[in-house]
Amino acid sequence: MPTPGSPVRGSRTGRPIMALLDLLGRRWLLRITWELRDQPAGFRQLQLRCDDMSPSVLSQRLHELKEAEVLELLGDQYRLTAEGRELLTILAPLRAWATRWAQRSHAGAARAAPD
């Protein structure tokens, strides 16, 4: 689990941003966080929402997100913590940029397509 102050993949500095990028760069981690944006979900619900990701990978990512205090388990439901909701708020401009990028890419592809 990447932690601020400790070396992480790709960086020996221990800078908090590097630890965050290492955490967020793990496969499925952002998708799980995104899927919990509107409502809590159980393990199987999350697995289905994440295109049937393997149970072992889901379990590992949920553990990492709990350890990072991005989500919590209440009963059998996972939900975002205040830190997790803040993270999604911070990522919102990326979503807007991605939408504009997709529109530009689609428009460029349409212009380049033969008649």
PDB file of N, CA and C in Angstrom:
ATOM      1  N   MET A   1       0.848  -1.178   0.000  1.00  0.00           N
ATOM      2  CA  MET A   1       0.000   0.000   0.000  1.00  0.00           C
ATOM      3  C   MET A   1       0.893   1.240   0.000  1.00  0.00           C
ATOM      4  N   PRO A   2       0.744   2.111  -0.994  1.00  0.00           N
ATOM      5  CA  PRO A   2       1.557   3.329  -1.014  1.00  0.00           C
ATOM      6  C   PRO A   2       1.156   4.277   0.115  1.00  0.00           C
ATOM      7  N   THR A   3       2.158   4.830   0.767  1.00  0.00           N
ATOM      8  CA  THR A   3       1.890   5.787   1.839  1.00  0.00           C
ATOM      9  C   THR A   3       2.812   6.990   1.683  1.00  0.00           C
ATOM     10  N   PRO A   4       2.285   8.182   1.936  1.00  0.00           N
ATOM     11  CA  PRO A   4       3.121   9.378   1.870  1.00  0.00           C
ATOM     12  C   PRO A   4       4.320   9.235   2.808  1.00  0.00           C
ATOM     13  N   GLY A   5       5.468   9.670   2.324  1.00  0.00           N
ATOM     14  CA  GLY A   5       6.681   9.588   3.117  1.00  0.00           C
ATOM     15  C   GLY A   5       7.513   8.352   2.841  1.00  0.00           C
ATOM     16  N   SER A   6       6.945   7.396   2.100  1.00  0.00           N
ATOM     17  CA  SER A   6       7.666   6.166   1.761  1.00  0.00           C
ATOM     18  C   SER A   6       7.865   6.084   0.259  1.00  0.00           C
ATOM     19  N   PRO A   7       8.959   5.472  -0.179  1.00  0.00           N
ATOM     20  CA  PRO A   7       9.150   5.281  -1.620  1.00  0.00           C
ATOM     21  C   PRO A   7       8.010   4.443  -2.209  1.00  0.00           C
ATOM     22  N   VAL A   8       7.651   4.753  -3.444  1.00  0.00           N
ATOM     23  CA  VAL A   8       6.599   4.014  -4.151  1.00  0.00           C
ATOM     24  C   VAL A   8       7.108   3.648  -5.539  1.00  0.00           C
ATOM     25  N   ARG A   9       6.318   2.880  -6.256  1.00  0.00           N
ATOM     26  CA  ARG A   9       6.709   2.516  -7.621  1.00  0.00           C
ATOM     27  C   ARG A   9       6.988   3.783  -8.420  1.00  0.00           C
ATOM     28  N   GLY A  10       8.145   3.852  -9.026  1.00  0.00           N
ATOM     29  CA  GLY A  10       8.479   4.981  -9.884  1.00  0.00           C
ATOM     30  C   GLY A  10       9.014   6.210  -9.177  1.00  0.00           C
ATOM     31  N   SER A  11       9.115   6.180  -7.851  1.00  0.00           N
ATOM     32  CA  SER A  11       9.612   7.355  -7.126  1.00  0.00           C
ATOM     33  C   SER A  11      10.189   6.935  -5.780  1.00  0.00           C
ATOM     34  N   ARG A  12      11.340   7.476  -5.478  1.00  0.00           N
ATOM     35  CA  ARG A  12      11.969   7.208  -4.179  1.00  0.00           C
ATOM     36  C   ARG A  12      11.789   8.374  -3.215  1.00  0.00           C
ATOM     37  N   THR A  13      11.110   9.424  -3.655  1.00  0.00           N
ATOM     38  CA  THR A  13      11.052  10.662  -2.873  1.00  0.00           C
ATOM     39  C   THR A  13      10.148  10.592  -1.653  1.00  0.00           C
ATOM     40  N   GLY A  14       9.115   9.782  -1.687  1.00  0.00           N
ATOM     41  CA  GLY A  14       8.156   9.752  -0.593  1.00  0.00           C
ATOM     42  C   GLY A  14       7.177  10.907  -0.615  1.00  0.00           C
ATOM     43  N   ARG A  15       7.187  11.688  -1.698  1.00  0.00           N
ATOM     44  CA  ARG A  15       6.255  12.814  -1.792  1.00  0.00           C
ATOM     45  C   ARG A  15       4.812  12.303  -1.796  1.00  0.00           C
ATOM     46  N   PRO A  16       3.926  12.992  -1.086  1.00  0.00           N
ATOM     47  CA  PRO A  16       2.530  12.564  -1.034  1.00  0.00           C
ATOM     48  C   PRO A  16       1.885  12.412  -2.412  1.00  0.00           C
ATOM     49  N   ILE A  17       2.179  13.307  -3.350  1.00  0.00           N
ATOM     50  CA  ILE A  17       1.559  13.209  -4.674  1.00  0.00           C
ATOM     51  C   ILE A  17       1.976  11.924  -5.370  1.00  0.00           C
ATOM     52  N   MET A  18       3.219  11.491  -5.164  1.00  0.00           N
ATOM     53  CA  MET A  18       3.684  10.259  -5.796  1.00  0.00           C
ATOM     54  C   MET A  18       2.974   9.045  -5.199  1.00  0.00           C
ATOM     55  N   ALA A  19       2.756   9.064  -3.892  1.00  0.00           N
ATOM     56  CA  ALA A  19       2.018   7.972  -3.248  1.00  0.00           C
ATOM     57  C   ALA A  19       0.582   7.933  -3.766  1.00  0.00           C
ATOM     58  N   LEU A  20      -0.030   9.104  -3.909  1.00  0.00           N
ATOM     59  CA  LEU A  20      -1.397   9.160  -4.427  1.00  0.00           C
ATOM     60  C   LEU A  20      -1.469   8.645  -5.858  1.00  0.00           C
ATOM     61  N   LEU A  21      -0.541   9.075  -6.700  1.00  0.00           N
ATOM     62  CA  LEU A  21      -0.544   8.615  -8.093  1.00  0.00           C
ATOM     63  C   LEU A  21      -0.318   7.108  -8.180  1.00  0.00           C
ATOM     64  N   ASP A  22       0.520   6.575  -7.310  1.00  0.00           N
ATOM     65  CA  ASP A  22       0.724   5.128  -7.283  1.00  0.00           C
ATOM     66  C   ASP A  22      -0.577   4.424  -6.898  1.00  0.00           C
ATOM     67  N   LEU A  23      -1.234   4.926  -5.867  1.00  0.00           N
ATOM     68  CA  LEU A  23      -2.497   4.321  -5.435  1.00  0.00           C
ATOM     69  C   LEU A  23      -3.549   4.402  -6.538  1.00  0.00           C
ATOM     70  N   LEU A  24      -3.754   5.597  -7.087  1.00  0.00           N
ATOM     71  CA  LEU A  24      -4.799   5.782  -8.098  1.00  0.00           C
ATOM     72  C   LEU A  24      -4.485   5.063  -9.403  1.00  0.00           C
ATOM     73  N   GLY A  25      -3.221   4.777  -9.645  1.00  0.00           N
ATOM     74  CA  GLY A  25      -2.834   4.099 -10.868  1.00  0.00           C
ATOM     75  C   GLY A  25      -3.037   2.596 -10.836  1.00  0.00           C
ATOM     76  N   ARG A  26      -3.451   2.068  -9.725  1.00  0.00           N
ATOM     77  CA  ARG A  26      -3.672   0.627  -9.632  1.00  0.00           C
ATOM     78  C   ARG A  26      -4.942   0.245 -10.375  1.00  0.00           C
ATOM     79  N   ARG A  27      -4.839  -0.837 -11.114  1.00  0.00           N
ATOM     80  CA  ARG A  27      -5.952  -1.262 -11.961  1.00  0.00           C
ATOM     81  C   ARG A  27      -7.238  -1.406 -11.149  1.00  0.00           C
ATOM     82  N   TRP A  28      -8.310  -0.880 -11.675  1.00  0.00           N
ATOM     83  CA  TRP A  28      -9.669  -0.933 -11.135  1.00  0.00           C
ATOM     84  C   TRP A  28      -9.910   0.016  -9.973  1.00  0.00           C
ATOM     85  N   LEU A  29      -8.892   0.597  -9.383  1.00  0.00           N
ATOM     86  CA  LEU A  29      -9.096   1.382  -8.177  1.00  0.00           C
ATOM     87  C   LEU A  29      -9.999   2.590  -8.408  1.00  0.00           C
ATOM     88  N   LEU A  30      -9.739   3.349  -9.455  1.00  0.00           N
ATOM     89  CA  LEU A  30     -10.596   4.503  -9.740  1.00  0.00           C
ATOM     90  C   LEU A  30     -11.997   4.064 -10.141  1.00  0.00           C
ATOM     91  N   ARG A  31     -12.099   2.967 -10.856  1.00  0.00           N
ATOM     92  CA  ARG A  31     -13.420   2.477 -11.265  1.00  0.00           C
ATOM     93  C   ARG A  31     -14.262   2.121 -10.043  1.00  0.00           C
ATOM     94  N   ILE A  32     -13.673   1.447  -9.082  1.00  0.00           N
ATOM     95  CA  ILE A  32     -14.399   1.101  -7.857  1.00  0.00           C
ATOM     96  C   ILE A  32     -14.854   2.375  -7.150  1.00  0.00           C
ATOM     97  N   THR A  33     -13.960   3.329  -7.033  1.00  0.00           N
ATOM     98  CA  THR A  33     -14.294   4.601  -6.390  1.00  0.00           C
ATOM     99  C   THR A  33     -15.444   5.274  -7.127  1.00  0.00           C
ATOM    100  N   TRP A  34     -15.372   5.290  -8.447  1.00  0.00           N
ATOM    101  CA  TRP A  34     -16.419   5.895  -9.273  1.00  0.00           C
ATOM    102  C   TRP A  34     -17.759   5.198  -9.066  1.00  0.00           C
ATOM    103  N   GLU A  35     -17.748   3.884  -9.008  1.00  0.00           N
ATOM    104  CA  GLU A  35     -18.992   3.126  -8.864  1.00  0.00           C
ATOM    105  C   GLU A  35     -19.664   3.365  -7.518  1.00  0.00           C
ATOM    106  N   LEU A  36     -18.933   3.845  -6.554  1.00  0.00           N
ATOM    107  CA  LEU A  36     -19.513   4.138  -5.238  1.00  0.00           C
ATOM    108  C   LEU A  36     -19.924   5.599  -5.092  1.00  0.00           C
ATOM    109  N   ARG A  37     -19.845   6.361  -6.173  1.00  0.00           N
ATOM    110  CA  ARG A  37     -20.075   7.808  -6.091  1.00  0.00           C
ATOM    111  C   ARG A  37     -21.492   8.170  -5.647  1.00  0.00           C
ATOM    112  N   ASP A  38     -22.498   7.395  -6.045  1.00  0.00           N
ATOM    113  CA  ASP A  38     -23.886   7.766  -5.747  1.00  0.00           C
ATOM    114  C   ASP A  38     -24.502   7.002  -4.587  1.00  0.00           C
ATOM    115  N   GLN A  39     -24.030   5.777  -4.382  1.00  0.00           N
ATOM    116  CA  GLN A  39     -24.639   4.968  -3.326  1.00  0.00           C
ATOM    117  C   GLN A  39     -23.707   3.837  -2.910  1.00  0.00           C
ATOM    118  N   PRO A  40     -23.867   3.369  -1.681  1.00  0.00           N
ATOM    119  CA  PRO A  40     -23.072   2.224  -1.231  1.00  0.00           C
ATOM    120  C   PRO A  40     -23.407   0.981  -2.054  1.00  0.00           C
ATOM    121  N   ALA A  41     -22.525   0.011  -2.000  1.00  0.00           N
ATOM    122  CA  ALA A  41     -22.747  -1.242  -2.723  1.00  0.00           C
ATOM    123  C   ALA A  41     -22.048  -2.380  -1.996  1.00  0.00           C
ATOM    124  N   GLY A  42     -22.618  -3.561  -2.126  1.00  0.00           N
ATOM    125  CA  GLY A  42     -21.995  -4.758  -1.585  1.00  0.00           C
ATOM    126  C   GLY A  42     -20.933  -5.286  -2.535  1.00  0.00           C
ATOM    127  N   PHE A  43     -20.224  -6.310  -2.088  1.00  0.00           N
ATOM    128  CA  PHE A  43     -19.127  -6.878  -2.865  1.00  0.00           C
ATOM    129  C   PHE A  43     -19.601  -7.339  -4.238  1.00  0.00           C
ATOM    130  N   ARG A  44     -20.655  -8.135  -4.283  1.00  0.00           N
ATOM    131  CA  ARG A  44     -21.138  -8.679  -5.562  1.00  0.00           C
ATOM    132  C   ARG A  44     -21.654  -7.568  -6.474  1.00  0.00           C
ATOM    133  N   GLN A  45     -22.345  -6.579  -5.911  1.00  0.00           N
ATOM    134  CA  GLN A  45     -22.814  -5.447  -6.720  1.00  0.00           C
ATOM    135  C   GLN A  45     -21.634  -4.729  -7.369  1.00  0.00           C
ATOM    136  N   LEU A  46     -20.593  -4.487  -6.596  1.00  0.00           N
ATOM    137  CA  LEU A  46     -19.405  -3.829  -7.143  1.00  0.00           C
ATOM    138  C   LEU A  46     -18.763  -4.679  -8.231  1.00  0.00           C
ATOM    139  N   GLN A  47     -18.709  -5.973  -8.004  1.00  0.00           N
ATOM    140  CA  GLN A  47     -18.115  -6.863  -8.997  1.00  0.00           C
ATOM    141  C   GLN A  47     -18.887  -6.779 -10.312  1.00  0.00           C
ATOM    142  N   LEU A  48     -20.204  -6.763 -10.247  1.00  0.00           N
ATOM    143  CA  LEU A  48     -21.022  -6.655 -11.458  1.00  0.00           C
ATOM    144  C   LEU A  48     -20.856  -5.293 -12.121  1.00  0.00           C
ATOM    145  N   ARG A  49     -20.844  -4.239 -11.336  1.00  0.00           N
ATOM    146  CA  ARG A  49     -20.681  -2.887 -11.885  1.00  0.00           C
ATOM    147  C   ARG A  49     -19.317  -2.709 -12.552  1.00  0.00           C
ATOM    148  N   CYS A  50     -18.345  -3.468 -12.096  1.00  0.00           N
ATOM    149  CA  CYS A  50     -16.982  -3.366 -12.634  1.00  0.00           C
ATOM    150  C   CYS A  50     -16.708  -4.489 -13.631  1.00  0.00           C
ATOM    151  N   ASP A  51     -17.693  -4.820 -14.418  1.00  0.00           N
ATOM    152  CA  ASP A  51     -17.524  -5.784 -15.508  1.00  0.00           C
ATOM    153  C   ASP A  51     -16.997  -7.132 -15.040  1.00  0.00           C
ATOM    154  N   ASP A  52     -17.541  -7.616 -13.927  1.00  0.00           N
ATOM    155  CA  ASP A  52     -17.164  -8.932 -13.402  1.00  0.00           C
ATOM    156  C   ASP A  52     -15.666  -9.092 -13.150  1.00  0.00           C
ATOM    157  N   MET A  53     -15.067  -8.084 -12.559  1.00  0.00           N
ATOM    158  CA  MET A  53     -13.650  -8.193 -12.196  1.00  0.00           C
ATOM    159  C   MET A  53     -13.484  -9.386 -11.257  1.00  0.00           C
ATOM    160  N   SER A  54     -12.314  -9.959 -11.240  1.00  0.00           N
ATOM    161  CA  SER A  54     -12.095 -11.152 -10.418  1.00  0.00           C
ATOM    162  C   SER A  54     -12.280 -10.811  -8.938  1.00  0.00           C
ATOM    163  N   PRO A  55     -12.833 -11.747  -8.174  1.00  0.00           N
ATOM    164  CA  PRO A  55     -13.042 -11.497  -6.746  1.00  0.00           C
ATOM    165  C   PRO A  55     -11.744 -11.187  -6.000  1.00  0.00           C
ATOM    166  N   SER A  56     -10.649 -11.823  -6.390  1.00  0.00           N
ATOM    167  CA  SER A  56      -9.390 -11.581  -5.677  1.00  0.00           C
ATOM    168  C   SER A  56      -8.879 -10.161  -5.914  1.00  0.00           C
ATOM    169  N   VAL A  57      -9.004  -9.662  -7.141  1.00  0.00           N
ATOM    170  CA  VAL A  57      -8.572  -8.290  -7.432  1.00  0.00           C
ATOM    171  C   VAL A  57      -9.483  -7.299  -6.714  1.00  0.00           C
ATOM    172  N   LEU A  58     -10.786  -7.525  -6.774  1.00  0.00           N
ATOM    173  CA  LEU A  58     -11.721  -6.631  -6.089  1.00  0.00           C
ATOM    174  C   LEU A  58     -11.425  -6.599  -4.594  1.00  0.00           C
ATOM    175  N   SER A  59     -11.216  -7.752  -4.011  1.00  0.00           N
ATOM    176  CA  SER A  59     -10.916  -7.821  -2.582  1.00  0.00           C
ATOM    177  C   SER A  59      -9.649  -7.039  -2.244  1.00  0.00           C
ATOM    178  N   GLN A  60      -8.616  -7.181  -3.062  1.00  0.00           N
ATOM    179  CA  GLN A  60      -7.355  -6.459  -2.831  1.00  0.00           C
ATOM    180  C   GLN A  60      -7.558  -4.950  -2.948  1.00  0.00           C
ATOM    181  N   ARG A  61      -8.271  -4.505  -3.984  1.00  0.00           N
ATOM    182  CA  ARG A  61      -8.485  -3.067  -4.172  1.00  0.00           C
ATOM    183  C   ARG A  61      -9.350  -2.495  -3.049  1.00  0.00           C
ATOM    184  N   LEU A  62     -10.366  -3.229  -2.626  1.00  0.00           N
ATOM    185  CA  LEU A  62     -11.195  -2.749  -1.520  1.00  0.00           C
ATOM    186  C   LEU A  62     -10.358  -2.608  -0.253  1.00  0.00           C
ATOM    187  N   HIS A  63      -9.481  -3.559  -0.026  1.00  0.00           N
ATOM    188  CA  HIS A  63      -8.585  -3.480   1.137  1.00  0.00           C
ATOM    189  C   HIS A  63      -7.707  -2.229   1.050  1.00  0.00           C
ATOM    190  N   GLU A  64      -7.144  -1.972  -0.124  1.00  0.00           N
ATOM    191  CA  GLU A  64      -6.287  -0.797  -0.307  1.00  0.00           C
ATOM    192  C   GLU A  64      -7.071   0.496  -0.110  1.00  0.00           C
ATOM    193  N   LEU A  65      -8.287   0.544  -0.624  1.00  0.00           N
ATOM    194  CA  LEU A  65      -9.113   1.745  -0.472  1.00  0.00           C
ATOM    195  C   LEU A  65      -9.525   1.961   0.981  1.00  0.00           C
ATOM    196  N   LYS A  66      -9.803   0.876   1.700  1.00  0.00           N
ATOM    197  CA  LYS A  66     -10.113   1.005   3.127  1.00  0.00           C
ATOM    198  C   LYS A  66      -8.886   1.486   3.893  1.00  0.00           C
ATOM    199  N   GLU A  67      -7.735   0.923   3.577  1.00  0.00           N
ATOM    200  CA  GLU A  67      -6.498   1.313   4.258  1.00  0.00           C
ATOM    201  C   GLU A  67      -6.165   2.784   4.001  1.00  0.00           C
ATOM    202  N   ALA A  68      -6.480   3.257   2.802  1.00  0.00           N
ATOM    203  CA  ALA A  68      -6.237   4.664   2.449  1.00  0.00           C
ATOM    204  C   ALA A  68      -7.347   5.582   2.956  1.00  0.00           C
ATOM    205  N   GLU A  69      -8.350   5.007   3.606  1.00  0.00           N
ATOM    206  CA  GLU A  69      -9.494   5.741   4.158  1.00  0.00           C
ATOM    207  C   GLU A  69     -10.320   6.442   3.088  1.00  0.00           C
ATOM    208  N   VAL A  70     -10.361   5.841   1.900  1.00  0.00           N
ATOM    209  CA  VAL A  70     -11.189   6.352   0.806  1.00  0.00           C
ATOM    210  C   VAL A  70     -12.589   5.760   0.906  1.00  0.00           C
ATOM    211  N   LEU A  71     -12.685   4.540   1.402  1.00  0.00           N
ATOM    212  CA  LEU A  71     -13.997   3.935   1.609  1.00  0.00           C
ATOM    213  C   LEU A  71     -14.017   3.201   2.932  1.00  0.00           C
ATOM    214  N   GLU A  72     -15.230   2.837   3.332  1.00  0.00           N
ATOM    215  CA  GLU A  72     -15.417   2.089   4.572  1.00  0.00           C
ATOM    216  C   GLU A  72     -16.465   1.021   4.341  1.00  0.00           C
ATOM    217  N   LEU A  73     -16.449   0.019   5.176  1.00  0.00           N
ATOM    218  CA  LEU A  73     -17.412  -1.071   5.111  1.00  0.00           C
ATOM    219  C   LEU A  73     -18.350  -0.942   6.296  1.00  0.00           C
ATOM    220  N   LEU A  74     -19.628  -0.772   5.995  1.00  0.00           N
ATOM    221  CA  LEU A  74     -20.656  -0.712   7.036  1.00  0.00           C
ATOM    222  C   LEU A  74     -21.599  -1.880   6.804  1.00  0.00           C
ATOM    223  N   GLY A  75     -21.591  -2.840   7.708  1.00  0.00           N
ATOM    224  CA  GLY A  75     -22.352  -4.064   7.479  1.00  0.00           C
ATOM    225  C   GLY A  75     -21.728  -4.796   6.311  1.00  0.00           C
ATOM    226  N   ASP A  76     -22.517  -4.985   5.253  1.00  0.00           N
ATOM    227  CA  ASP A  76     -21.975  -5.623   4.044  1.00  0.00           C
ATOM    228  C   ASP A  76     -21.910  -4.646   2.875  1.00  0.00           C
ATOM    229  N   GLN A  77     -21.978  -3.350   3.168  1.00  0.00           N
ATOM    230  CA  GLN A  77     -21.979  -2.321   2.131  1.00  0.00           C
ATOM    231  C   GLN A  77     -20.720  -1.459   2.215  1.00  0.00           C
ATOM    232  N   TYR A  78     -20.112  -1.251   1.065  1.00  0.00           N
ATOM    233  CA  TYR A  78     -18.972  -0.342   0.964  1.00  0.00           C
ATOM    234  C   TYR A  78     -19.496   1.035   0.587  1.00  0.00           C
ATOM    235  N   ARG A  79     -18.938   2.059   1.202  1.00  0.00           N
ATOM    236  CA  ARG A  79     -19.325   3.421   0.846  1.00  0.00           C
ATOM    237  C   ARG A  79     -18.113   4.330   0.968  1.00  0.00           C
ATOM    238  N   LEU A  80     -18.171   5.430   0.238  1.00  0.00           N
ATOM    239  CA  LEU A  80     -17.084   6.397   0.283  1.00  0.00           C
ATOM    240  C   LEU A  80     -17.081   7.119   1.623  1.00  0.00           C
ATOM    241  N   THR A  81     -15.912   7.397   2.107  1.00  0.00           N
ATOM    242  CA  THR A  81     -15.755   8.235   3.295  1.00  0.00           C
ATOM    243  C   THR A  81     -15.776   9.697   2.843  1.00  0.00           C
ATOM    244  N   ALA A  82     -15.686  10.604   3.783  1.00  0.00           N
ATOM    245  CA  ALA A  82     -15.572  12.024   3.425  1.00  0.00           C
ATOM    246  C   ALA A  82     -14.332  12.238   2.556  1.00  0.00           C
ATOM    247  N   GLU A  83     -13.238  11.543   2.865  1.00  0.00           N
ATOM    248  CA  GLU A  83     -12.013  11.641   2.053  1.00  0.00           C
ATOM    249  C   GLU A  83     -12.270  11.138   0.634  1.00  0.00           C
ATOM    250  N   GLY A  84     -13.017  10.048   0.508  1.00  0.00           N
ATOM    251  CA  GLY A  84     -13.332   9.503  -0.811  1.00  0.00           C
ATOM    252  C   GLY A  84     -14.195  10.449  -1.626  1.00  0.00           C
ATOM    253  N   ARG A  85     -15.178  11.063  -0.979  1.00  0.00           N
ATOM    254  CA  ARG A  85     -16.034  12.031  -1.682  1.00  0.00           C
ATOM    255  C   ARG A  85     -15.224  13.257  -2.100  1.00  0.00           C
ATOM    256  N   GLU A  86     -14.293  13.677  -1.241  1.00  0.00           N
ATOM    257  CA  GLU A  86     -13.429  14.806  -1.596  1.00  0.00           C
ATOM    258  C   GLU A  86     -12.553  14.449  -2.799  1.00  0.00           C
ATOM    259  N   LEU A  87     -12.050  13.232  -2.828  1.00  0.00           N
ATOM    260  CA  LEU A  87     -11.239  12.787  -3.962  1.00  0.00           C
ATOM    261  C   LEU A  87     -12.039  12.857  -5.254  1.00  0.00           C
ATOM    262  N   LEU A  88     -13.290  12.399  -5.243  1.00  0.00           N
ATOM    263  CA  LEU A  88     -14.118  12.472  -6.451  1.00  0.00           C
ATOM    264  C   LEU A  88     -14.370  13.918  -6.864  1.00  0.00           C
ATOM    265  N   THR A  89     -14.546  14.804  -5.895  1.00  0.00           N
ATOM    266  CA  THR A  89     -14.733  16.223  -6.203  1.00  0.00           C
ATOM    267  C   THR A  89     -13.493  16.784  -6.898  1.00  0.00           C
ATOM    268  N   ILE A  90     -12.343  16.397  -6.411  1.00  0.00           N
ATOM    269  CA  ILE A  90     -11.089  16.864  -7.007  1.00  0.00           C
ATOM    270  C   ILE A  90     -10.915  16.312  -8.421  1.00  0.00           C
ATOM    271  N   LEU A  91     -11.404  15.100  -8.664  1.00  0.00           N
ATOM    272  CA  LEU A  91     -11.277  14.475  -9.984  1.00  0.00           C
ATOM    273  C   LEU A  91     -12.329  14.965 -10.982  1.00  0.00           C
ATOM    274  N   ALA A  92     -13.354  15.680 -10.523  1.00  0.00           N
ATOM    275  CA  ALA A  92     -14.438  16.136 -11.405  1.00  0.00           C
ATOM    276  C   ALA A  92     -13.934  16.924 -12.612  1.00  0.00           C
ATOM    277  N   PRO A  93     -12.973  17.836 -12.469  1.00  0.00           N
ATOM    278  CA  PRO A  93     -12.478  18.535 -13.663  1.00  0.00           C
ATOM    279  C   PRO A  93     -11.875  17.584 -14.708  1.00  0.00           C
ATOM    280  N   LEU A  94     -11.315  16.475 -14.283  1.00  0.00           N
ATOM    281  CA  LEU A  94     -10.798  15.494 -15.243  1.00  0.00           C
ATOM    282  C   LEU A  94     -11.935  14.885 -16.062  1.00  0.00           C
ATOM    283  N   ARG A  95     -13.060  14.662 -15.407  1.00  0.00           N
ATOM    284  CA  ARG A  95     -14.219  14.119 -16.129  1.00  0.00           C
ATOM    285  C   ARG A  95     -14.683  15.113 -17.194  1.00  0.00           C
ATOM    286  N   ALA A  96     -14.755  16.381 -16.842  1.00  0.00           N
ATOM    287  CA  ALA A  96     -15.170  17.406 -17.803  1.00  0.00           C
ATOM    288  C   ALA A  96     -14.176  17.483 -18.960  1.00  0.00           C
ATOM    289  N   TRP A  97     -12.893  17.434 -18.653  1.00  0.00           N
ATOM    290  CA  TRP A  97     -11.877  17.474 -19.699  1.00  0.00           C
ATOM    291  C   TRP A  97     -12.002  16.251 -20.604  1.00  0.00           C
ATOM    292  N   ALA A  98     -12.220  15.084 -20.022  1.00  0.00           N
ATOM    293  CA  ALA A  98     -12.347  13.852 -20.811  1.00  0.00           C
ATOM    294  C   ALA A  98     -13.536  13.927 -21.758  1.00  0.00           C
ATOM    295  N   THR A  99     -14.630  14.530 -21.314  1.00  0.00           N
ATOM    296  CA  THR A  99     -15.806  14.685 -22.176  1.00  0.00           C
ATOM    297  C   THR A  99     -15.480  15.584 -23.358  1.00  0.00           C
ATOM    298  N   ARG A 100     -14.822  16.706 -23.093  1.00  0.00           N
ATOM    299  CA  ARG A 100     -14.433  17.605 -24.193  1.00  0.00           C
ATOM    300  C   ARG A 100     -13.449  16.925 -25.137  1.00  0.00           C
ATOM    301  N   TRP A 101     -12.522  16.192 -24.591  1.00  0.00           N
ATOM    302  CA  TRP A 101     -11.534  15.468 -25.382  1.00  0.00           C
ATOM    303  C   TRP A 101     -12.214  14.452 -26.293  1.00  0.00           C
ATOM    304  N   ALA A 102     -13.173  13.725 -25.742  1.00  0.00           N
ATOM    305  CA  ALA A 102     -13.903  12.738 -26.541  1.00  0.00           C
ATOM    306  C   ALA A 102     -14.667  13.415 -27.668  1.00  0.00           C
ATOM    307  N   GLN A 103     -15.260  14.560 -27.383  1.00  0.00           N
ATOM    308  CA  GLN A 103     -15.994  15.284 -28.426  1.00  0.00           C
ATOM    309  C   GLN A 103     -15.052  15.767 -29.521  1.00  0.00           C
ATOM    310  N   ARG A 104     -13.900  16.292 -29.134  1.00  0.00           N
ATOM    311  CA  ARG A 104     -12.918  16.728 -30.134  1.00  0.00           C
ATOM    312  C   ARG A 104     -12.404  15.541 -30.941  1.00  0.00           C
ATOM    313  N   SER A 105     -12.121  14.452 -30.280  1.00  0.00           N
ATOM    314  CA  SER A 105     -11.619  13.260 -30.968  1.00  0.00           C
ATOM    315  C   SER A 105     -12.654  12.728 -31.937  1.00  0.00           C
ATOM    316  N   HIS A 106     -13.908  12.722 -31.520  1.00  0.00           N
ATOM    317  CA  HIS A 106     -14.990  12.239 -32.381  1.00  0.00           C
ATOM    318  C   HIS A 106     -15.160  13.167 -33.577  1.00  0.00           C
ATOM    319  N   ALA A 107     -15.100  14.473 -33.330  1.00  0.00           N
ATOM    320  CA  ALA A 107     -15.240  15.442 -34.425  1.00  0.00           C
ATOM    321  C   ALA A 107     -14.076  15.308 -35.395  1.00  0.00           C
ATOM    322  N   GLY A 108     -12.871  15.128 -34.880  1.00  0.00           N
ATOM    323  CA  GLY A 108     -11.708  14.959 -35.744  1.00  0.00           C
ATOM    324  C   GLY A 108     -11.801  13.692 -36.569  1.00  0.00           C
ATOM    325  N   ALA A 109     -12.285  12.619 -35.978  1.00  0.00           N
ATOM    326  CA  ALA A 109     -12.432  11.358 -36.703  1.00  0.00           C
ATOM    327  C   ALA A 109     -13.492  11.486 -37.782  1.00  0.00           C
ATOM    328  N   ALA A 110     -14.565  12.233 -37.489  1.00  0.00           N
ATOM    329  CA  ALA A 110     -15.631  12.417 -38.485  1.00  0.00           C
ATOM    330  C   ALA A 110     -15.114  13.230 -39.668  1.00  0.00           C
ATOM    331  N   ARG A 111     -14.279  14.252 -39.396  1.00  0.00           N
ATOM    332  CA  ARG A 111     -13.716  15.056 -40.494  1.00  0.00           C
ATOM    333  C   ARG A 111     -12.741  14.238 -41.334  1.00  0.00           C
ATOM    334  N   ALA A 112     -12.020  13.324 -40.699  1.00  0.00           N
ATOM    335  CA  ALA A 112     -11.015  12.537 -41.415  1.00  0.00           C
ATOM    336  C   ALA A 112     -11.623  11.356 -42.165  1.00  0.00           C
ATOM    337  N   ALA A 113     -12.858  11.005 -41.841  1.00  0.00           N
ATOM    338  CA  ALA A 113     -13.487   9.846 -42.491  1.00  0.00           C
ATOM    339  C   ALA A 113     -13.764  10.152 -43.957  1.00  0.00           C
ATOM    340  N   PRO A 114     -13.524   9.157 -44.819  1.00  0.00           N
ATOM    341  CA  PRO A 114     -13.806   9.374 -46.245  1.00  0.00           C
ATOM    342  C   PRO A 114     -15.304   9.512 -46.489  1.00  0.00           C
ATOM    343  N   ASP A 115     -15.646  10.277 -47.512  1.00  0.00           N
ATOM    344  CA  ASP A 115     -17.065  10.478 -47.860  1.00  0.00           C
ATOM    345  C   ASP A 115     -17.628   9.314 -48.610  1.00  0.00           C
TER     346      ASP A 115
END
